[in-house]
Amino acid sequence: MTATMNISLPDSMKAFVDARVKARGYGSHSEYLRDLVRKDELEAAKDALRALVAEGLASPPGRDWGDFKASLVARAEEHRAASRPRDEA
């Protein structure tokens, strides 16, 4: 689906857009503006990814999988031992 937008630009900006469309081989002003929006969307996605990386780097270190698994196995064994009837223990 395509939506239409009308924008108002000062003469100096209109001249700049006209020059960019011509110099970069865009077929229309709309094509140029769509390209600008796509590039801005990409930058926004990169910014979001950078923020997630920074959040991950700032978080406490994770546990080693082997150590974590061993602690789970030990807890399961403790639970099984506590759940057994006394005469089986």
C-alpha atoms as a PDB file:
ATOM      1  CA  MET A   1       0.000   0.000   0.000  1.00  0.00           C
ATOM      2  CA  THR A   2       1.253   3.459  -0.840  1.00  0.00           C
ATOM      3  CA  ALA A   3       0.303   6.650   0.946  1.00  0.00           C
ATOM      4  CA  THR A   4       0.731  10.165  -0.349  1.00  0.00           C
ATOM      5  CA  MET A   5       2.414  12.923   1.645  1.00  0.00           C
ATOM      6  CA  ASN A   6       2.726  16.562   0.727  1.00  0.00           C
ATOM      7  CA  ILE A   7       5.604  18.505   2.225  1.00  0.00           C
ATOM      8  CA  SER A   8       6.547  22.160   2.197  1.00  0.00           C
ATOM      9  CA  LEU A   9      10.184  23.145   1.789  1.00  0.00           C
ATOM     10  CA  PRO A  10      11.904  26.503   1.717  1.00  0.00           C
ATOM     11  CA  ASP A  11      13.188  27.425  -1.742  1.00  0.00           C
ATOM     12  CA  SER A  12      16.780  26.669  -0.740  1.00  0.00           C
ATOM     13  CA  MET A  13      15.883  23.130   0.363  1.00  0.00           C
ATOM     14  CA  LYS A  14      13.803  22.551  -2.773  1.00  0.00           C
ATOM     15  CA  ALA A  15      16.811  23.586  -4.872  1.00  0.00           C
ATOM     16  CA  PHE A  16      19.025  21.218  -2.881  1.00  0.00           C
ATOM     17  CA  VAL A  17      16.597  18.309  -3.395  1.00  0.00           C
ATOM     18  CA  ASP A  18      16.335  19.100  -7.108  1.00  0.00           C
ATOM     19  CA  ALA A  19      20.126  19.074  -7.405  1.00  0.00           C
ATOM     20  CA  ARG A  20      20.455  15.777  -5.491  1.00  0.00           C
ATOM     21  CA  VAL A  21      17.784  14.089  -7.593  1.00  0.00           C
ATOM     22  CA  LYS A  22      19.587  15.123 -10.765  1.00  0.00           C
ATOM     23  CA  ALA A  23      23.142  14.434  -9.534  1.00  0.00           C
ATOM     24  CA  ARG A  24      22.373  11.008  -8.090  1.00  0.00           C
ATOM     25  CA  GLY A  25      20.137   9.831 -10.904  1.00  0.00           C
ATOM     26  CA  TYR A  26      16.896   9.465  -8.988  1.00  0.00           C
ATOM     27  CA  GLY A  27      13.806   9.200 -11.157  1.00  0.00           C
ATOM     28  CA  SER A  28      11.786  11.547  -8.977  1.00  0.00           C
ATOM     29  CA  HIS A  29      11.723  13.541  -5.786  1.00  0.00           C
ATOM     30  CA  SER A  30       9.693  10.732  -4.217  1.00  0.00           C
ATOM     31  CA  GLU A  31      12.376   8.184  -5.065  1.00  0.00           C
ATOM     32  CA  TYR A  32      15.012  10.387  -3.431  1.00  0.00           C
ATOM     33  CA  LEU A  33      12.929  10.888  -0.288  1.00  0.00           C
ATOM     34  CA  ARG A  34      12.111   7.160  -0.036  1.00  0.00           C
ATOM     35  CA  ASP A  35      15.843   6.435  -0.193  1.00  0.00           C
ATOM     36  CA  LEU A  36      16.493   8.940   2.603  1.00  0.00           C
ATOM     37  CA  VAL A  37      13.794   7.348   4.757  1.00  0.00           C
ATOM     38  CA  ARG A  38      15.189   3.841   4.119  1.00  0.00           C
ATOM     39  CA  LYS A  39      18.647   5.009   5.169  1.00  0.00           C
ATOM     40  CA  ASP A  40      17.197   6.626   8.299  1.00  0.00           C
ATOM     41  CA  GLU A  41      15.315   3.403   9.133  1.00  0.00           C
ATOM     42  CA  LEU A  42      18.566   1.461   8.789  1.00  0.00           C
ATOM     43  CA  GLU A  43      20.347   3.903  11.108  1.00  0.00           C
ATOM     44  CA  ALA A  44      17.532   3.573  13.664  1.00  0.00           C
ATOM     45  CA  ALA A  45      17.880  -0.226  13.548  1.00  0.00           C
ATOM     46  CA  LYS A  46      21.652   0.069  14.007  1.00  0.00           C
ATOM     47  CA  ASP A  47      21.123   2.415  16.968  1.00  0.00           C
ATOM     48  CA  ALA A  48      18.723  -0.087  18.561  1.00  0.00           C
ATOM     49  CA  LEU A  49      21.234  -2.904  18.040  1.00  0.00           C
ATOM     50  CA  ARG A  50      24.047  -0.799  19.515  1.00  0.00           C
ATOM     51  CA  ALA A  51      21.867  -0.124  22.570  1.00  0.00           C
ATOM     52  CA  LEU A  52      21.222  -3.858  23.017  1.00  0.00           C
ATOM     53  CA  VAL A  53      24.937  -4.629  22.711  1.00  0.00           C
ATOM     54  CA  ALA A  54      25.752  -1.930  25.277  1.00  0.00           C
ATOM     55  CA  GLU A  55      23.092  -3.348  27.607  1.00  0.00           C
ATOM     56  CA  GLY A  56      24.572  -6.815  27.236  1.00  0.00           C
ATOM     57  CA  LEU A  57      28.102  -5.588  27.870  1.00  0.00           C
ATOM     58  CA  ALA A  58      26.941  -3.728  30.989  1.00  0.00           C
ATOM     59  CA  SER A  59      25.145  -6.772  32.412  1.00  0.00           C
ATOM     60  CA  PRO A  60      26.817  -9.098  34.899  1.00  0.00           C
ATOM     61  CA  PRO A  61      28.715 -12.030  33.432  1.00  0.00           C
ATOM     62  CA  GLY A  62      26.736 -15.168  32.740  1.00  0.00           C
ATOM     63  CA  ARG A  63      27.394 -18.507  34.359  1.00  0.00           C
ATOM     64  CA  ASP A  64      29.403 -21.244  32.718  1.00  0.00           C
ATOM     65  CA  TRP A  65      26.975 -23.797  31.239  1.00  0.00           C
ATOM     66  CA  GLY A  66      28.826 -26.751  32.779  1.00  0.00           C
ATOM     67  CA  ASP A  67      28.692 -25.223  36.268  1.00  0.00           C
ATOM     68  CA  PHE A  68      25.034 -24.290  35.840  1.00  0.00           C
ATOM     69  CA  LYS A  69      24.116 -27.778  34.627  1.00  0.00           C
ATOM     70  CA  ALA A  70      26.004 -29.371  37.540  1.00  0.00           C
ATOM     71  CA  SER A  71      24.111 -27.195  40.027  1.00  0.00           C
ATOM     72  CA  LEU A  72      20.787 -28.214  38.439  1.00  0.00           C
ATOM     73  CA  VAL A  73      21.711 -31.903  38.612  1.00  0.00           C
ATOM     74  CA  ALA A  74      22.735 -31.518  42.269  1.00  0.00           C
ATOM     75  CA  ARG A  75      19.463 -29.779  43.106  1.00  0.00           C
ATOM     76  CA  ALA A  76      17.487 -32.493  41.313  1.00  0.00           C
ATOM     77  CA  GLU A  77      19.343 -35.180  43.284  1.00  0.00           C
ATOM     78  CA  GLU A  78      18.635 -33.339  46.547  1.00  0.00           C
ATOM     79  CA  HIS A  79      14.962 -33.081  45.611  1.00  0.00           C
ATOM     80  CA  ARG A  80      14.784 -36.797  44.737  1.00  0.00           C
ATOM     81  CA  ALA A  81      16.501 -37.738  47.995  1.00  0.00           C
ATOM     82  CA  ALA A  82      14.127 -35.555  50.008  1.00  0.00           C
ATOM     83  CA  SER A  83      11.107 -36.998  48.173  1.00  0.00           C
ATOM     84  CA  ARG A  84      11.966 -40.672  48.787  1.00  0.00           C
ATOM     85  CA  PRO A  85      10.147 -42.470  51.559  1.00  0.00           C
ATOM     86  CA  ARG A  86      12.383 -42.929  54.610  1.00  0.00           C
ATOM     87  CA  ASP A  87      12.547 -46.714  54.317  1.00  0.00           C
ATOM     88  CA  GLU A  88      14.084 -46.454  50.788  1.00  0.00           C
ATOM     89  CA  ALA A  89      16.784 -43.992  51.777  1.00  0.00           C
END
